[in-house]
Structures are given as structure tokens and as C-alpha cells.
N, C-alpha and C. Protein backbone atom coordinates (compact mmCIF):
# COMPACT_ATOMS: atom_id res chain seq x y z
N MET A 1 -19.93 10.84 12.60
CA MET A 1 -19.31 11.56 11.49
C MET A 1 -19.04 10.59 10.34
N ALA A 2 -19.57 10.91 9.17
CA ALA A 2 -19.36 10.07 7.99
C ALA A 2 -18.06 10.47 7.30
N LEU A 3 -17.18 9.51 7.11
CA LEU A 3 -15.89 9.77 6.48
C LEU A 3 -15.74 8.95 5.21
N THR A 4 -15.08 9.53 4.22
CA THR A 4 -14.63 8.79 3.04
C THR A 4 -13.13 8.70 3.12
N VAL A 5 -12.58 7.48 3.11
CA VAL A 5 -11.13 7.31 3.23
C VAL A 5 -10.53 6.95 1.87
N ALA A 6 -9.29 7.37 1.68
CA ALA A 6 -8.63 7.17 0.39
C ALA A 6 -8.27 5.72 0.14
N GLY A 7 -7.90 5.00 1.21
CA GLY A 7 -7.49 3.61 1.04
C GLY A 7 -8.11 2.73 2.11
N ARG A 8 -8.73 1.65 1.69
CA ARG A 8 -9.30 0.71 2.65
C ARG A 8 -8.20 -0.25 3.10
N THR A 9 -8.03 -0.39 4.39
CA THR A 9 -6.97 -1.26 4.91
C THR A 9 -7.58 -2.37 5.74
N ASP A 10 -7.07 -3.59 5.54
CA ASP A 10 -7.53 -4.72 6.33
C ASP A 10 -7.09 -4.57 7.79
N ALA A 11 -7.73 -5.30 8.67
CA ALA A 11 -7.35 -5.30 10.08
C ALA A 11 -5.89 -5.70 10.22
N GLY A 12 -5.14 -4.93 11.00
CA GLY A 12 -3.73 -5.22 11.21
C GLY A 12 -2.79 -4.44 10.31
N VAL A 13 -3.31 -3.82 9.26
CA VAL A 13 -2.49 -3.00 8.36
C VAL A 13 -2.31 -1.62 8.97
N HIS A 14 -1.10 -1.08 8.87
CA HIS A 14 -0.80 0.26 9.38
C HIS A 14 -1.08 1.30 8.30
N ALA A 15 -1.44 2.50 8.71
CA ALA A 15 -1.68 3.59 7.77
C ALA A 15 -0.98 4.84 8.28
N ARG A 16 0.16 5.15 7.69
CA ARG A 16 0.90 6.36 8.06
C ARG A 16 0.44 7.57 7.27
N GLY A 17 -0.18 7.32 6.11
CA GLY A 17 -0.55 8.43 5.25
C GLY A 17 -1.99 8.37 4.76
N GLN A 18 -2.89 7.91 5.61
CA GLN A 18 -4.30 7.84 5.23
C GLN A 18 -4.87 9.25 5.08
N VAL A 19 -5.79 9.41 4.13
CA VAL A 19 -6.49 10.68 3.92
C VAL A 19 -7.98 10.40 3.99
N ALA A 20 -8.70 11.25 4.70
CA ALA A 20 -10.15 11.10 4.82
C ALA A 20 -10.81 12.45 4.56
N SER A 21 -12.00 12.40 4.02
CA SER A 21 -12.76 13.63 3.76
C SER A 21 -14.17 13.48 4.32
N HIS A 22 -14.76 14.63 4.65
CA HIS A 22 -16.16 14.62 5.07
C HIS A 22 -16.77 15.97 4.74
N PRO A 23 -18.04 15.99 4.34
CA PRO A 23 -18.70 17.26 4.08
C PRO A 23 -19.13 17.89 5.40
N GLY A 24 -19.10 19.20 5.46
CA GLY A 24 -19.56 19.86 6.68
C GLY A 24 -18.56 20.84 7.22
N GLU A 25 -18.72 21.15 8.49
CA GLU A 25 -17.89 22.16 9.14
C GLU A 25 -16.46 21.65 9.33
N PRO A 26 -15.49 22.58 9.41
CA PRO A 26 -14.09 22.17 9.66
C PRO A 26 -13.96 21.40 10.97
N ILE A 27 -12.98 20.52 11.02
CA ILE A 27 -12.74 19.68 12.19
C ILE A 27 -11.58 20.25 13.00
N ASP A 28 -11.76 20.32 14.31
CA ASP A 28 -10.67 20.66 15.21
C ASP A 28 -9.91 19.37 15.49
N SER A 29 -8.73 19.22 14.88
CA SER A 29 -8.00 17.95 14.99
C SER A 29 -7.58 17.66 16.43
N GLY A 30 -7.23 18.69 17.20
CA GLY A 30 -6.86 18.47 18.59
C GLY A 30 -8.02 17.92 19.40
N ARG A 31 -9.18 18.48 19.21
CA ARG A 31 -10.36 18.01 19.94
C ARG A 31 -10.72 16.59 19.51
N LEU A 32 -10.63 16.33 18.21
CA LEU A 32 -10.95 14.99 17.71
C LEU A 32 -9.97 13.96 18.26
N ASN A 33 -8.69 14.31 18.32
CA ASN A 33 -7.70 13.37 18.84
C ASN A 33 -7.95 12.99 20.29
N SER A 34 -8.54 13.90 21.05
CA SER A 34 -8.82 13.60 22.45
C SER A 34 -9.89 12.52 22.60
N LEU A 35 -10.63 12.27 21.53
CA LEU A 35 -11.69 11.27 21.56
C LEU A 35 -11.28 9.95 20.93
N LEU A 36 -10.12 9.94 20.28
CA LEU A 36 -9.69 8.75 19.54
C LEU A 36 -8.86 7.82 20.41
N PRO A 37 -8.82 6.53 20.08
CA PRO A 37 -7.94 5.60 20.80
C PRO A 37 -6.48 5.93 20.56
N ASP A 38 -5.60 5.40 21.37
CA ASP A 38 -4.18 5.76 21.32
C ASP A 38 -3.50 5.42 20.00
N ASP A 39 -4.02 4.44 19.27
CA ASP A 39 -3.35 4.03 18.03
C ASP A 39 -3.90 4.71 16.79
N VAL A 40 -4.71 5.76 16.98
CA VAL A 40 -5.24 6.53 15.85
C VAL A 40 -5.03 8.00 16.15
N ARG A 41 -4.48 8.75 15.17
CA ARG A 41 -4.27 10.18 15.35
C ARG A 41 -4.53 10.92 14.04
N VAL A 42 -5.17 12.08 14.16
CA VAL A 42 -5.31 13.01 13.04
C VAL A 42 -4.10 13.92 13.06
N LEU A 43 -3.30 13.89 12.00
CA LEU A 43 -2.08 14.70 11.97
C LEU A 43 -2.38 16.15 11.61
N ARG A 44 -3.35 16.35 10.73
CA ARG A 44 -3.76 17.72 10.42
C ARG A 44 -5.09 17.67 9.69
N SER A 45 -5.77 18.80 9.69
CA SER A 45 -7.01 18.93 8.93
C SER A 45 -7.01 20.29 8.26
N GLU A 46 -7.65 20.36 7.11
CA GLU A 46 -7.69 21.62 6.37
C GLU A 46 -8.89 21.62 5.45
N PRO A 47 -9.35 22.82 5.05
CA PRO A 47 -10.47 22.89 4.11
C PRO A 47 -10.09 22.26 2.78
N ALA A 48 -11.07 21.67 2.13
CA ALA A 48 -10.86 21.04 0.83
C ALA A 48 -11.77 21.70 -0.19
N PRO A 49 -11.44 21.58 -1.46
CA PRO A 49 -12.32 22.13 -2.50
C PRO A 49 -13.71 21.51 -2.42
N GLU A 50 -14.70 22.27 -2.83
CA GLU A 50 -16.07 21.76 -2.80
C GLU A 50 -16.18 20.49 -3.64
N GLY A 51 -16.79 19.48 -3.08
CA GLY A 51 -16.96 18.23 -3.79
C GLY A 51 -15.79 17.28 -3.72
N PHE A 52 -14.74 17.66 -2.99
CA PHE A 52 -13.55 16.80 -2.90
C PHE A 52 -13.90 15.48 -2.23
N ASP A 53 -13.42 14.40 -2.81
CA ASP A 53 -13.64 13.05 -2.28
C ASP A 53 -12.28 12.37 -2.14
N ALA A 54 -11.92 12.02 -0.91
CA ALA A 54 -10.58 11.49 -0.64
C ALA A 54 -10.28 10.24 -1.46
N ARG A 55 -11.27 9.43 -1.72
CA ARG A 55 -11.05 8.20 -2.47
C ARG A 55 -11.10 8.43 -3.98
N ARG A 56 -12.16 9.06 -4.44
CA ARG A 56 -12.37 9.23 -5.88
C ARG A 56 -11.32 10.13 -6.52
N ASP A 57 -10.86 11.16 -5.81
CA ASP A 57 -9.93 12.12 -6.39
C ASP A 57 -8.47 11.72 -6.25
N ALA A 58 -8.19 10.64 -5.57
CA ALA A 58 -6.79 10.20 -5.42
C ALA A 58 -6.24 9.75 -6.77
N ARG A 59 -5.02 10.17 -7.06
CA ARG A 59 -4.36 9.77 -8.30
C ARG A 59 -3.54 8.50 -8.12
N SER A 60 -2.99 8.29 -6.93
CA SER A 60 -2.22 7.07 -6.67
C SER A 60 -2.10 6.84 -5.17
N ARG A 61 -1.78 5.60 -4.82
CA ARG A 61 -1.51 5.23 -3.43
C ARG A 61 -0.13 4.58 -3.37
N LEU A 62 0.58 4.85 -2.29
CA LEU A 62 1.91 4.28 -2.10
C LEU A 62 1.89 3.40 -0.85
N TYR A 63 2.30 2.14 -1.03
CA TYR A 63 2.36 1.20 0.08
C TYR A 63 3.80 0.74 0.29
N ARG A 64 4.08 0.32 1.52
CA ARG A 64 5.37 -0.27 1.88
C ARG A 64 5.11 -1.55 2.64
N TYR A 65 5.85 -2.61 2.27
CA TYR A 65 5.76 -3.86 3.03
C TYR A 65 7.14 -4.21 3.55
N ARG A 66 7.24 -4.48 4.87
CA ARG A 66 8.52 -4.69 5.53
C ARG A 66 8.73 -6.18 5.83
N VAL A 67 9.93 -6.67 5.49
CA VAL A 67 10.30 -8.07 5.72
C VAL A 67 11.63 -8.09 6.47
N LEU A 68 11.67 -8.77 7.60
CA LEU A 68 12.91 -8.97 8.35
C LEU A 68 13.42 -10.36 8.03
N ALA A 69 14.49 -10.43 7.23
CA ALA A 69 15.02 -11.71 6.75
C ALA A 69 16.29 -12.06 7.52
N ARG A 70 16.13 -12.80 8.61
CA ARG A 70 17.27 -13.24 9.41
C ARG A 70 16.81 -14.40 10.30
N PRO A 71 17.72 -15.19 10.83
CA PRO A 71 17.31 -16.37 11.61
C PRO A 71 16.47 -16.04 12.84
N ALA A 72 16.85 -15.01 13.59
CA ALA A 72 16.15 -14.69 14.83
C ALA A 72 15.15 -13.56 14.62
N ALA A 73 13.98 -13.71 15.18
CA ALA A 73 12.98 -12.65 15.12
C ALA A 73 13.38 -11.49 16.02
N SER A 74 12.76 -10.33 15.80
CA SER A 74 13.02 -9.15 16.63
C SER A 74 11.75 -8.77 17.37
N PRO A 75 11.78 -8.73 18.70
CA PRO A 75 10.60 -8.29 19.44
C PRO A 75 10.17 -6.87 19.06
N LEU A 76 11.13 -6.03 18.71
CA LEU A 76 10.82 -4.65 18.36
C LEU A 76 10.11 -4.54 17.02
N GLU A 77 10.28 -5.54 16.16
CA GLU A 77 9.66 -5.51 14.84
C GLU A 77 8.49 -6.48 14.72
N ALA A 78 8.12 -7.12 15.82
CA ALA A 78 7.12 -8.18 15.76
C ALA A 78 5.79 -7.72 15.18
N ALA A 79 5.41 -6.47 15.43
CA ALA A 79 4.13 -5.96 14.95
C ALA A 79 4.29 -5.08 13.72
N ARG A 80 5.52 -4.99 13.19
CA ARG A 80 5.77 -4.05 12.09
C ARG A 80 6.48 -4.66 10.90
N ALA A 81 6.79 -5.95 10.94
CA ALA A 81 7.50 -6.58 9.82
C ALA A 81 7.25 -8.08 9.85
N LEU A 82 7.20 -8.68 8.67
CA LEU A 82 7.11 -10.13 8.55
C LEU A 82 8.49 -10.73 8.78
N HIS A 83 8.58 -11.67 9.71
CA HIS A 83 9.86 -12.33 9.96
C HIS A 83 10.00 -13.53 9.03
N VAL A 84 11.08 -13.55 8.25
CA VAL A 84 11.40 -14.66 7.36
C VAL A 84 12.73 -15.25 7.84
N PRO A 85 12.74 -16.45 8.42
CA PRO A 85 13.95 -16.97 9.07
C PRO A 85 14.90 -17.69 8.12
N TYR A 86 14.97 -17.24 6.88
CA TYR A 86 15.87 -17.88 5.93
C TYR A 86 16.37 -16.83 4.94
N ARG A 87 17.38 -17.21 4.21
CA ARG A 87 18.01 -16.28 3.27
C ARG A 87 17.10 -16.04 2.07
N VAL A 88 17.08 -14.80 1.61
CA VAL A 88 16.24 -14.42 0.48
C VAL A 88 17.13 -13.91 -0.65
N ASP A 89 16.83 -14.34 -1.87
CA ASP A 89 17.58 -13.93 -3.06
C ASP A 89 17.13 -12.53 -3.45
N ARG A 90 17.88 -11.52 -3.02
CA ARG A 90 17.49 -10.13 -3.27
C ARG A 90 17.43 -9.80 -4.77
N PRO A 91 18.41 -10.17 -5.60
CA PRO A 91 18.30 -9.86 -7.03
C PRO A 91 17.03 -10.43 -7.67
N ALA A 92 16.60 -11.61 -7.23
CA ALA A 92 15.37 -12.19 -7.77
C ALA A 92 14.17 -11.34 -7.39
N LEU A 93 14.15 -10.85 -6.15
CA LEU A 93 13.07 -9.95 -5.73
C LEU A 93 13.06 -8.68 -6.57
N ASP A 94 14.25 -8.14 -6.83
CA ASP A 94 14.35 -6.92 -7.63
C ASP A 94 13.79 -7.12 -9.03
N ARG A 95 14.09 -8.26 -9.63
CA ARG A 95 13.60 -8.52 -10.98
C ARG A 95 12.07 -8.70 -10.99
N CYS A 96 11.55 -9.35 -9.99
CA CYS A 96 10.10 -9.49 -9.89
C CYS A 96 9.43 -8.13 -9.75
N ALA A 97 9.98 -7.28 -8.89
CA ALA A 97 9.40 -5.96 -8.69
C ALA A 97 9.44 -5.14 -9.97
N ALA A 98 10.55 -5.20 -10.70
CA ALA A 98 10.67 -4.44 -11.94
C ALA A 98 9.61 -4.86 -12.95
N SER A 99 9.23 -6.12 -12.95
CA SER A 99 8.24 -6.61 -13.91
C SER A 99 6.83 -6.09 -13.61
N LEU A 100 6.62 -5.54 -12.42
CA LEU A 100 5.30 -5.05 -12.05
C LEU A 100 4.99 -3.69 -12.65
N VAL A 101 6.01 -2.91 -13.00
CA VAL A 101 5.80 -1.53 -13.44
C VAL A 101 5.21 -1.53 -14.84
N ASP A 102 3.94 -1.22 -14.93
CA ASP A 102 3.19 -1.16 -16.19
C ASP A 102 1.74 -1.46 -15.84
N THR A 103 0.93 -1.62 -16.86
CA THR A 103 -0.46 -2.01 -16.66
C THR A 103 -0.56 -3.53 -16.76
N HIS A 104 -1.10 -4.15 -15.72
CA HIS A 104 -1.24 -5.61 -15.70
C HIS A 104 -2.60 -5.99 -15.13
N ASP A 105 -2.98 -7.23 -15.39
CA ASP A 105 -4.18 -7.81 -14.81
C ASP A 105 -3.76 -8.56 -13.54
N PHE A 106 -4.15 -8.05 -12.38
CA PHE A 106 -3.71 -8.59 -11.10
C PHE A 106 -4.75 -9.51 -10.46
N LYS A 107 -5.56 -10.16 -11.28
CA LYS A 107 -6.61 -11.03 -10.75
C LYS A 107 -6.04 -12.13 -9.85
N ALA A 108 -4.84 -12.62 -10.16
CA ALA A 108 -4.23 -13.69 -9.36
C ALA A 108 -3.87 -13.23 -7.96
N PHE A 109 -3.85 -11.92 -7.73
CA PHE A 109 -3.35 -11.38 -6.47
C PHE A 109 -4.45 -10.78 -5.60
N THR A 110 -5.69 -11.16 -5.84
CA THR A 110 -6.77 -10.70 -4.99
C THR A 110 -7.66 -11.88 -4.63
N ARG A 111 -8.57 -11.66 -3.73
CA ARG A 111 -9.42 -12.74 -3.25
C ARG A 111 -10.33 -13.27 -4.35
N THR A 112 -10.65 -14.55 -4.25
CA THR A 112 -11.55 -15.16 -5.23
C THR A 112 -12.93 -14.53 -5.15
N GLN A 113 -13.43 -14.35 -3.94
CA GLN A 113 -14.70 -13.68 -3.74
C GLN A 113 -14.42 -12.20 -3.50
N THR A 114 -14.69 -11.37 -4.49
CA THR A 114 -14.32 -9.96 -4.40
C THR A 114 -15.37 -9.09 -5.06
N TYR A 115 -15.44 -7.84 -4.63
CA TYR A 115 -16.37 -6.89 -5.24
C TYR A 115 -15.79 -6.25 -6.49
N HIS A 116 -14.50 -6.48 -6.76
CA HIS A 116 -13.88 -5.86 -7.92
C HIS A 116 -14.43 -6.45 -9.22
N ARG A 117 -14.65 -5.60 -10.20
CA ARG A 117 -15.06 -6.05 -11.53
C ARG A 117 -13.95 -5.86 -12.56
N ARG A 118 -13.04 -4.98 -12.27
CA ARG A 118 -11.91 -4.72 -13.17
C ARG A 118 -10.63 -5.02 -12.40
N PHE A 119 -9.74 -5.80 -13.00
CA PHE A 119 -8.55 -6.25 -12.30
C PHE A 119 -7.26 -5.62 -12.83
N GLU A 120 -7.37 -4.76 -13.85
CA GLU A 120 -6.18 -4.08 -14.36
C GLU A 120 -5.82 -2.92 -13.44
N ARG A 121 -4.55 -2.80 -13.15
CA ARG A 121 -4.03 -1.70 -12.35
C ARG A 121 -2.74 -1.20 -12.98
N VAL A 122 -2.48 0.10 -12.82
CA VAL A 122 -1.29 0.71 -13.40
C VAL A 122 -0.28 0.94 -12.27
N VAL A 123 0.79 0.19 -12.28
CA VAL A 123 1.84 0.32 -11.26
C VAL A 123 2.92 1.26 -11.79
N SER A 124 3.18 2.35 -11.08
CA SER A 124 4.17 3.33 -11.52
C SER A 124 5.51 3.16 -10.80
N ARG A 125 5.50 2.46 -9.68
CA ARG A 125 6.74 2.24 -8.94
C ARG A 125 6.65 0.92 -8.19
N ALA A 126 7.71 0.14 -8.26
CA ALA A 126 7.80 -1.10 -7.47
C ALA A 126 9.27 -1.42 -7.31
N GLU A 127 9.76 -1.36 -6.09
CA GLU A 127 11.17 -1.64 -5.84
C GLU A 127 11.37 -2.11 -4.41
N TRP A 128 12.37 -2.98 -4.26
CA TRP A 128 12.78 -3.44 -2.94
C TRP A 128 13.95 -2.59 -2.46
N LEU A 129 13.85 -2.08 -1.24
CA LEU A 129 14.91 -1.30 -0.63
C LEU A 129 15.35 -1.97 0.66
N SER A 130 16.57 -1.67 1.08
CA SER A 130 17.10 -2.22 2.34
C SER A 130 17.57 -1.07 3.23
N PRO A 131 16.69 -0.50 4.04
CA PRO A 131 17.08 0.62 4.90
C PRO A 131 17.99 0.22 6.04
N ALA A 132 18.08 -1.08 6.32
CA ALA A 132 18.95 -1.58 7.39
C ALA A 132 19.34 -3.01 7.04
N PRO A 133 20.46 -3.49 7.60
CA PRO A 133 20.86 -4.87 7.32
C PRO A 133 19.74 -5.86 7.67
N GLU A 134 19.50 -6.79 6.77
CA GLU A 134 18.52 -7.87 6.94
C GLU A 134 17.07 -7.38 6.89
N LEU A 135 16.86 -6.10 6.62
CA LEU A 135 15.51 -5.57 6.49
C LEU A 135 15.23 -5.25 5.02
N LEU A 136 14.17 -5.82 4.48
CA LEU A 136 13.76 -5.58 3.10
C LEU A 136 12.41 -4.88 3.10
N GLU A 137 12.25 -3.91 2.21
CA GLU A 137 10.98 -3.20 2.11
C GLU A 137 10.57 -3.11 0.65
N LEU A 138 9.38 -3.58 0.35
CA LEU A 138 8.80 -3.37 -0.97
C LEU A 138 8.02 -2.06 -0.96
N TRP A 139 8.41 -1.13 -1.82
CA TRP A 139 7.68 0.11 -2.02
C TRP A 139 6.96 -0.01 -3.36
N ILE A 140 5.65 0.16 -3.34
CA ILE A 140 4.86 -0.02 -4.56
C ILE A 140 3.78 1.05 -4.63
N GLU A 141 3.69 1.68 -5.79
CA GLU A 141 2.71 2.75 -6.02
C GLU A 141 1.91 2.43 -7.27
N ALA A 142 0.60 2.63 -7.19
CA ALA A 142 -0.28 2.37 -8.32
C ALA A 142 -1.48 3.30 -8.26
N ASP A 143 -2.23 3.35 -9.36
CA ASP A 143 -3.42 4.19 -9.38
C ASP A 143 -4.41 3.74 -8.31
N SER A 144 -4.54 2.45 -8.13
CA SER A 144 -5.34 1.88 -7.05
C SER A 144 -4.93 0.43 -6.89
N PHE A 145 -5.44 -0.21 -5.84
CA PHE A 145 -5.03 -1.58 -5.53
C PHE A 145 -6.26 -2.46 -5.31
N LEU A 146 -6.13 -3.72 -5.67
CA LEU A 146 -7.15 -4.71 -5.36
C LEU A 146 -7.04 -5.12 -3.90
N ARG A 147 -8.10 -5.70 -3.38
CA ARG A 147 -8.10 -6.16 -1.99
C ARG A 147 -7.03 -7.24 -1.80
N GLY A 148 -6.10 -7.01 -0.89
CA GLY A 148 -5.05 -7.98 -0.61
C GLY A 148 -3.96 -8.07 -1.64
N MET A 149 -3.95 -7.16 -2.60
CA MET A 149 -3.01 -7.25 -3.73
C MET A 149 -1.55 -7.16 -3.29
N VAL A 150 -1.21 -6.16 -2.50
CA VAL A 150 0.19 -5.98 -2.10
C VAL A 150 0.67 -7.17 -1.28
N ARG A 151 -0.14 -7.62 -0.36
CA ARG A 151 0.26 -8.72 0.51
C ARG A 151 0.44 -10.02 -0.28
N THR A 152 -0.39 -10.25 -1.28
CA THR A 152 -0.24 -11.47 -2.08
C THR A 152 0.95 -11.35 -3.03
N LEU A 153 1.21 -10.16 -3.53
CA LEU A 153 2.44 -9.95 -4.32
C LEU A 153 3.66 -10.28 -3.48
N VAL A 154 3.69 -9.81 -2.24
CA VAL A 154 4.82 -10.07 -1.36
C VAL A 154 4.96 -11.57 -1.10
N GLY A 155 3.85 -12.22 -0.75
CA GLY A 155 3.91 -13.65 -0.48
C GLY A 155 4.40 -14.45 -1.67
N THR A 156 4.01 -14.05 -2.87
CA THR A 156 4.43 -14.76 -4.08
C THR A 156 5.88 -14.44 -4.44
N MET A 157 6.28 -13.19 -4.27
CA MET A 157 7.68 -12.83 -4.53
C MET A 157 8.62 -13.53 -3.57
N LEU A 158 8.20 -13.70 -2.33
CA LEU A 158 9.05 -14.42 -1.37
C LEU A 158 9.20 -15.89 -1.76
N GLU A 159 8.20 -16.45 -2.42
CA GLU A 159 8.37 -17.80 -2.97
C GLU A 159 9.50 -17.82 -4.00
N VAL A 160 9.54 -16.79 -4.84
CA VAL A 160 10.63 -16.69 -5.83
C VAL A 160 11.96 -16.49 -5.11
N GLY A 161 11.97 -15.60 -4.13
CA GLY A 161 13.21 -15.27 -3.43
C GLY A 161 13.78 -16.39 -2.60
N THR A 162 12.97 -17.40 -2.33
CA THR A 162 13.46 -18.55 -1.55
C THR A 162 13.53 -19.81 -2.40
N GLY A 163 13.43 -19.66 -3.71
CA GLY A 163 13.62 -20.79 -4.61
C GLY A 163 12.45 -21.73 -4.76
N ARG A 164 11.29 -21.36 -4.25
CA ARG A 164 10.12 -22.24 -4.35
C ARG A 164 9.27 -21.96 -5.58
N ARG A 165 9.60 -20.91 -6.32
CA ARG A 165 8.87 -20.55 -7.54
C ARG A 165 9.85 -19.89 -8.49
N GLY A 166 9.69 -20.13 -9.78
CA GLY A 166 10.54 -19.50 -10.78
C GLY A 166 10.07 -18.10 -11.13
N GLU A 167 10.98 -17.29 -11.62
CA GLU A 167 10.63 -15.92 -12.00
C GLU A 167 9.64 -15.90 -13.16
N ASP A 168 9.79 -16.82 -14.11
CA ASP A 168 8.85 -16.87 -15.23
C ASP A 168 7.44 -17.17 -14.74
N SER A 169 7.33 -18.04 -13.74
CA SER A 169 6.02 -18.35 -13.17
C SER A 169 5.39 -17.10 -12.56
N PHE A 170 6.20 -16.29 -11.89
CA PHE A 170 5.68 -15.05 -11.30
C PHE A 170 5.18 -14.11 -12.39
N ARG A 171 5.95 -13.94 -13.44
CA ARG A 171 5.57 -13.00 -14.49
C ARG A 171 4.30 -13.46 -15.21
N ARG A 172 4.11 -14.76 -15.35
CA ARG A 172 2.89 -15.25 -16.01
C ARG A 172 1.63 -14.90 -15.23
N LEU A 173 1.78 -14.73 -13.93
CA LEU A 173 0.62 -14.38 -13.11
C LEU A 173 0.08 -12.99 -13.42
N LEU A 174 0.86 -12.16 -14.08
CA LEU A 174 0.45 -10.78 -14.36
C LEU A 174 -0.48 -10.69 -15.56
N ALA A 175 -0.92 -11.82 -16.07
CA ALA A 175 -1.82 -11.86 -17.22
C ALA A 175 -3.21 -12.35 -16.81
N GLY A 176 -3.58 -12.09 -15.56
CA GLY A 176 -4.93 -12.42 -15.13
C GLY A 176 -5.16 -13.89 -14.83
N ARG A 177 -4.17 -14.55 -14.30
CA ARG A 177 -4.30 -15.97 -13.95
C ARG A 177 -5.19 -16.14 -12.72
N PRO A 178 -5.68 -17.36 -12.46
CA PRO A 178 -6.53 -17.58 -11.28
C PRO A 178 -5.76 -17.37 -9.97
N ARG A 179 -6.49 -17.00 -8.93
CA ARG A 179 -5.88 -16.79 -7.62
C ARG A 179 -5.15 -18.03 -7.13
N SER A 180 -5.63 -19.20 -7.48
CA SER A 180 -5.04 -20.45 -6.99
C SER A 180 -3.61 -20.66 -7.48
N GLU A 181 -3.20 -19.95 -8.53
CA GLU A 181 -1.85 -20.12 -9.07
C GLU A 181 -0.82 -19.23 -8.38
N ALA A 182 -1.26 -18.24 -7.63
CA ALA A 182 -0.33 -17.34 -6.94
C ALA A 182 0.01 -17.91 -5.57
N GLY A 183 0.91 -17.22 -4.88
CA GLY A 183 1.37 -17.67 -3.58
C GLY A 183 0.48 -17.22 -2.45
N PRO A 184 0.93 -17.42 -1.21
CA PRO A 184 0.13 -17.05 -0.04
C PRO A 184 0.06 -15.54 0.15
N THR A 185 -0.93 -15.12 0.89
CA THR A 185 -1.06 -13.71 1.26
C THR A 185 -0.22 -13.45 2.50
N ALA A 186 0.72 -12.52 2.40
CA ALA A 186 1.58 -12.20 3.54
C ALA A 186 0.74 -11.57 4.66
N PRO A 187 1.17 -11.70 5.91
CA PRO A 187 0.40 -11.16 7.04
C PRO A 187 0.21 -9.65 6.95
N ALA A 188 -0.86 -9.19 7.57
CA ALA A 188 -1.22 -7.77 7.48
C ALA A 188 -0.23 -6.86 8.20
N HIS A 189 0.41 -7.33 9.27
CA HIS A 189 1.16 -6.41 10.13
C HIS A 189 2.41 -5.83 9.49
N GLY A 190 2.85 -6.37 8.35
CA GLY A 190 4.02 -5.81 7.67
C GLY A 190 3.70 -4.71 6.69
N LEU A 191 2.42 -4.42 6.48
CA LEU A 191 2.00 -3.50 5.42
C LEU A 191 1.67 -2.12 5.98
N PHE A 192 2.13 -1.09 5.26
CA PHE A 192 1.89 0.31 5.62
C PHE A 192 1.35 1.07 4.42
N LEU A 193 0.25 1.78 4.59
CA LEU A 193 -0.17 2.77 3.61
C LEU A 193 0.63 4.03 3.89
N GLU A 194 1.56 4.36 3.00
CA GLU A 194 2.50 5.45 3.26
C GLU A 194 2.00 6.81 2.78
N ALA A 195 1.32 6.85 1.65
CA ALA A 195 0.93 8.14 1.10
C ALA A 195 -0.20 7.96 0.10
N VAL A 196 -0.99 9.01 -0.02
CA VAL A 196 -2.01 9.09 -1.06
C VAL A 196 -1.73 10.37 -1.82
N ARG A 197 -1.63 10.26 -3.12
CA ARG A 197 -1.24 11.43 -3.93
C ARG A 197 -2.44 11.95 -4.71
N TYR A 198 -2.51 13.28 -4.78
CA TYR A 198 -3.57 13.96 -5.50
C TYR A 198 -2.94 14.89 -6.53
N GLY A 199 -3.72 15.31 -7.48
CA GLY A 199 -3.19 16.22 -8.50
C GLY A 199 -4.33 16.98 -9.14
N PRO A 200 -4.03 17.94 -9.98
CA PRO A 200 -5.07 18.71 -10.65
C PRO A 200 -6.02 17.76 -11.40
N PRO A 201 -7.32 18.03 -11.34
CA PRO A 201 -7.95 19.20 -10.72
C PRO A 201 -8.41 18.94 -9.29
N ALA A 202 -7.74 18.06 -8.59
CA ALA A 202 -8.15 17.75 -7.21
C ALA A 202 -7.52 18.74 -6.25
N ILE A 203 -7.08 18.25 -5.09
CA ILE A 203 -6.84 19.14 -3.97
C ILE A 203 -5.59 20.01 -4.12
N GLU A 204 -4.51 19.50 -4.74
CA GLU A 204 -3.28 20.29 -4.78
C GLU A 204 -3.45 21.63 -5.50
N GLU A 205 -4.21 21.62 -6.59
CA GLU A 205 -4.37 22.84 -7.39
C GLU A 205 -5.09 23.93 -6.60
N GLU A 206 -6.21 23.59 -5.99
CA GLU A 206 -6.95 24.59 -5.23
C GLU A 206 -6.25 24.94 -3.93
N ARG A 207 -5.53 23.99 -3.35
CA ARG A 207 -4.77 24.29 -2.14
C ARG A 207 -3.74 25.38 -2.43
N ALA A 208 -3.10 25.30 -3.59
CA ALA A 208 -2.10 26.30 -3.96
C ALA A 208 -2.74 27.68 -4.12
N GLN A 209 -4.00 27.70 -4.59
CA GLN A 209 -4.68 28.98 -4.75
C GLN A 209 -5.16 29.54 -3.41
N LEU A 210 -5.64 28.64 -2.55
CA LEU A 210 -6.16 29.09 -1.25
C LEU A 210 -5.05 29.48 -0.29
N TYR A 211 -3.91 28.76 -0.40
CA TYR A 211 -2.81 28.97 0.54
C TYR A 211 -1.51 29.20 -0.24
N PRO A 212 -1.42 30.34 -0.93
CA PRO A 212 -0.19 30.59 -1.71
C PRO A 212 1.02 30.71 -0.81
N ARG A 213 2.15 30.28 -1.34
CA ARG A 213 3.39 30.38 -0.57
C ARG A 213 3.81 31.84 -0.44
N PRO A 214 4.29 32.25 0.72
CA PRO A 214 4.70 33.65 0.90
C PRO A 214 5.85 34.01 -0.03
N GLY A 215 5.83 35.25 -0.49
CA GLY A 215 6.91 35.72 -1.35
C GLY A 215 6.68 35.42 -2.78
């Protein structure tokens, strides 16, 4: 079965909100799940408008990166969060995240050898949240992302948050600086693709027509 996926994820990255499309007959999600490995599940399937492409028609993608900032690691979070065994300056992280919201050249935050030809991306949301003590989460949404972009943003912001890089240095990277000037790429296991958003004239508009709400 040939699938088009909305977001390409590196090995080790989690996808809670991946969307895939394929031309052809409807899929029985229950039957398909019986053939899939335990760590992959189809949550639902539904007809899509003719010509719908999960990747091309997506308006934005939302990612979350989880950081556990405390001296001792957690076995329960070992595969779901980056462990940082030192104190992190949360206000500095907040200021870095706020500077991302806009159109920027993110060349410094992707691989040197890349298939991308355009490095500008429009970030509509970037904020650090703390859903639990000592747990930090970067939520970032953009029209699309470069390969490794979120993970390298996190790695570089953590340099700022631990005093190894200045905030001005971070902001200068948003002007298309070389990859060598940015920080390390954070590990894959802390990253989650949370949602893919669509809008007219893609799937939401026709879905509303095909499946009107009762009443």
C-alpha cells in the first residue's frame, strides 16, 4: 500500500497525530491494525476529497519536545523525554521561543547535506510549557519544518538556558547562518508530532459537507 504522510519523522521520533493518505478503496482500520506492529496504530480512517494529499494539503504541523530537567533521570520517561541533569533558565527559554514566531531563515537548524532548497519557514506558535514539576515542553507550530529543525532548536535553546550561549547569539541564527554556528541536535526520543492541521480548500471544508453535524 502506497501512503503519503503529512510529516516525515526520523527514527526514534514519536507521532501522536500523523496523517496519511492513499488513493483507492477505503481502509478497514481494525483489519489494518491487526497486521501492524504493537507500536503503530491507525486511530481512524475516513473518505477524503478527491485528490487530497496528506502532505501537500497540510496547512501546519504541531510538534512537542519534552525535557526532564532534574538531577535524577526517570525510568518512566527514558524513551519519552530528554534528561537534562542541571538547572535550566526558564525565562531565557521563553524569550528564545518568542523570537521564533514569524518568518525566519532556519538554515542553521537543519543538516548541512539536505534536500531542502528553501529554508524560510513561518512559525505561528512557539512556547515552553511546564505540565509537571521539572518537566519542560516546547510546543512549536509552523507551515512546515526542515529536517531536524525542532531538535536543533531545542539543543541550541538549551545552550542558552544553561548559560553556554547568549540570547543574542541565538537570535542571530534566525537569519540563515551556517549550521556550524548552531548548537547540537537534541535526541529523537523527546520529539512528538502532535497534530497536522488542514483548512479550506482541503479536507475540513469537504468533510463538513459530507458529514454535517446533526441538528
